[in-house]
C-alpha atoms as a PDB file:
ATOM      1  CA  UNK A   1       0.897 -18.625 -42.860  1.00  0.00           C
ATOM      2  CA  UNK A   2       0.407 -16.234 -39.975  1.00  0.00           C
ATOM      3  CA  UNK A   3       4.106 -16.364 -39.034  1.00  0.00           C
ATOM      4  CA  UNK A   4       5.085 -15.599 -42.617  1.00  0.00           C
ATOM      5  CA  UNK A   5       2.641 -12.707 -42.750  1.00  0.00           C
ATOM      6  CA  UNK A   6       3.852 -11.204 -39.465  1.00  0.00           C
ATOM      7  CA  UNK A   7       7.496 -11.485 -40.576  1.00  0.00           C
ATOM      8  CA  UNK A   8       6.643  -9.872 -43.889  1.00  0.00           C
ATOM      9  CA  UNK A   9       4.792  -6.996 -42.245  1.00  0.00           C
ATOM     10  CA  UNK A  10       7.589  -6.473 -39.718  1.00  0.00           C
ATOM     11  CA  UNK A  11      10.167  -6.220 -42.495  1.00  0.00           C
ATOM     12  CA  UNK A  12       8.143  -3.854 -44.682  1.00  0.00           C
ATOM     13  CA  UNK A  13       6.930  -1.384 -42.049  1.00  0.00           C
ATOM     14  CA  UNK A  14       9.599   1.046 -40.956  1.00  0.00           C
ATOM     15  CA  UNK A  15       9.819   1.612 -37.200  1.00  0.00           C
ATOM     16  CA  UNK A  16       8.817   5.099 -36.138  1.00  0.00           C
ATOM     17  CA  UNK A  17       9.482   6.887 -32.906  1.00  0.00           C
ATOM     18  CA  UNK A  18       6.627   8.744 -31.331  1.00  0.00           C
ATOM     19  CA  UNK A  19       8.708  10.288 -28.580  1.00  0.00           C
ATOM     20  CA  UNK A  20       9.520  14.014 -28.760  1.00  0.00           C
ATOM     21  CA  UNK A  21      13.080  15.084 -29.474  1.00  0.00           C
ATOM     22  CA  UNK A  22      13.652  16.364 -25.944  1.00  0.00           C
ATOM     23  CA  UNK A  23      12.783  12.913 -24.557  1.00  0.00           C
ATOM     24  CA  UNK A  24      15.270  11.228 -26.858  1.00  0.00           C
ATOM     25  CA  UNK A  25      17.949  13.773 -25.928  1.00  0.00           C
ATOM     26  CA  UNK A  26      17.269  13.272 -22.214  1.00  0.00           C
ATOM     27  CA  UNK A  27      17.554   9.521 -22.697  1.00  0.00           C
ATOM     28  CA  UNK A  28      20.971   9.999 -24.305  1.00  0.00           C
ATOM     29  CA  UNK A  29      22.096  12.263 -21.462  1.00  0.00           C
ATOM     30  CA  UNK A  30      20.981   9.832 -18.744  1.00  0.00           C
ATOM     31  CA  UNK A  31      22.329   6.682 -20.441  1.00  0.00           C
ATOM     32  CA  UNK A  32      25.791   6.801 -18.757  1.00  0.00           C
ATOM     33  CA  UNK A  33      24.314   6.722 -15.246  1.00  0.00           C
ATOM     34  CA  UNK A  34      21.864   3.899 -15.950  1.00  0.00           C
ATOM     35  CA  UNK A  35      23.996   1.185 -14.320  1.00  0.00           C
ATOM     36  CA  UNK A  36      24.730   3.065 -11.054  1.00  0.00           C
ATOM     37  CA  UNK A  37      21.092   4.107 -10.658  1.00  0.00           C
ATOM     38  CA  UNK A  38      19.936   0.536 -11.266  1.00  0.00           C
ATOM     39  CA  UNK A  39      22.395  -0.721  -8.648  1.00  0.00           C
ATOM     40  CA  UNK A  40      21.262   1.955  -6.190  1.00  0.00           C
ATOM     41  CA  UNK A  41      17.602   1.020  -6.682  1.00  0.00           C
ATOM     42  CA  UNK A  42      18.428  -2.661  -6.164  1.00  0.00           C
ATOM     43  CA  UNK A  43      20.392  -2.035  -2.961  1.00  0.00           C
ATOM     44  CA  UNK A  44      17.713   0.257  -1.545  1.00  0.00           C
ATOM     45  CA  UNK A  45      15.004  -2.237  -2.484  1.00  0.00           C
ATOM     46  CA  UNK A  46      16.790  -4.973  -0.531  1.00  0.00           C
ATOM     47  CA  UNK A  47      17.211  -2.591   2.417  1.00  0.00           C
ATOM     48  CA  UNK A  48      13.495  -1.806   2.312  1.00  0.00           C
ATOM     49  CA  UNK A  49      12.701  -5.517   2.254  1.00  0.00           C
ATOM     50  CA  UNK A  50      14.924  -6.095   5.295  1.00  0.00           C
ATOM     51  CA  UNK A  51      13.295  -3.192   7.157  1.00  0.00           C
ATOM     52  CA  UNK A  52       9.807  -4.504   6.362  1.00  0.00           C
ATOM     53  CA  UNK A  53      10.696  -8.012   7.554  1.00  0.00           C
ATOM     54  CA  UNK A  54      12.231  -6.567  10.730  1.00  0.00           C
ATOM     55  CA  UNK A  55       9.104  -4.561  11.487  1.00  0.00           C
ATOM     56  CA  UNK A  56       6.925  -7.580  10.813  1.00  0.00           C
ATOM     57  CA  UNK A  57       8.908  -9.717  13.244  1.00  0.00           C
ATOM     58  CA  UNK A  58       9.089  -6.937  15.824  1.00  0.00           C
ATOM     59  CA  UNK A  59       5.347  -6.366  15.922  1.00  0.00           C
ATOM     60  CA  UNK A  60       4.376 -10.017  15.492  1.00  0.00           C
ATOM     61  CA  UNK A  61       4.387 -10.373  19.276  1.00  0.00           C
ATOM     62  CA  UNK A  62       1.726  -7.656  19.666  1.00  0.00           C
ATOM     63  CA  UNK A  63      -0.756  -9.140  17.205  1.00  0.00           C
ATOM     64  CA  UNK A  64      -2.126 -11.825  19.584  1.00  0.00           C
ATOM     65  CA  UNK A  65      -2.224  -9.252  22.410  1.00  0.00           C
ATOM     66  CA  UNK A  66      -4.349  -6.921  20.326  1.00  0.00           C
ATOM     67  CA  UNK A  67      -6.682  -9.787  19.456  1.00  0.00           C
ATOM     68  CA  UNK A  68      -6.693 -10.934  23.130  1.00  0.00           C
ATOM     69  CA  UNK A  69      -5.394 -14.309  22.078  1.00  0.00           C
ATOM     70  CA  UNK A  70      -3.004 -15.938  24.561  1.00  0.00           C
ATOM     71  CA  UNK A  71      -1.854 -18.724  22.271  1.00  0.00           C
ATOM     72  CA  UNK A  72       0.841 -16.452  20.840  1.00  0.00           C
ATOM     73  CA  UNK A  73       2.586 -16.639  17.546  1.00  0.00           C
ATOM     74  CA  UNK A  74       5.845 -18.340  16.756  1.00  0.00           C
ATOM     75  CA  UNK A  75       7.800 -15.269  17.806  1.00  0.00           C
ATOM     76  CA  UNK A  76       5.643 -14.274  20.774  1.00  0.00           C
ATOM     77  CA  UNK A  77       7.796 -13.752  23.889  1.00  0.00           C
ATOM     78  CA  UNK A  78       5.036 -14.454  26.402  1.00  0.00           C
ATOM     79  CA  UNK A  79       4.405 -17.909  24.961  1.00  0.00           C
ATOM     80  CA  UNK A  80       8.060 -18.825  25.511  1.00  0.00           C
ATOM     81  CA  UNK A  81       8.880 -17.034  28.731  1.00  0.00           C
ATOM     82  CA  UNK A  82       5.469 -16.738  30.362  1.00  0.00           C
ATOM     83  CA  UNK A  83       5.488 -12.926  30.143  1.00  0.00           C
END
């Protein structure tokens, strides 16, 4: 019954836009560059992820030093080479 009622209401109520005209016009203007901008955001997001992982691995060796822990992490140089 509920599914029938929701389908009935969806078919009888006309969709209305609440956005101003200038927003709709701007959306039409920007539509052609949607794919390149999406690709750019994706590429830059992956680059940011790589930079964050690189910084994490680079400073992983200093974390036990700051905590005065000599056990070292997996990537700690002094635990491997006795530095």
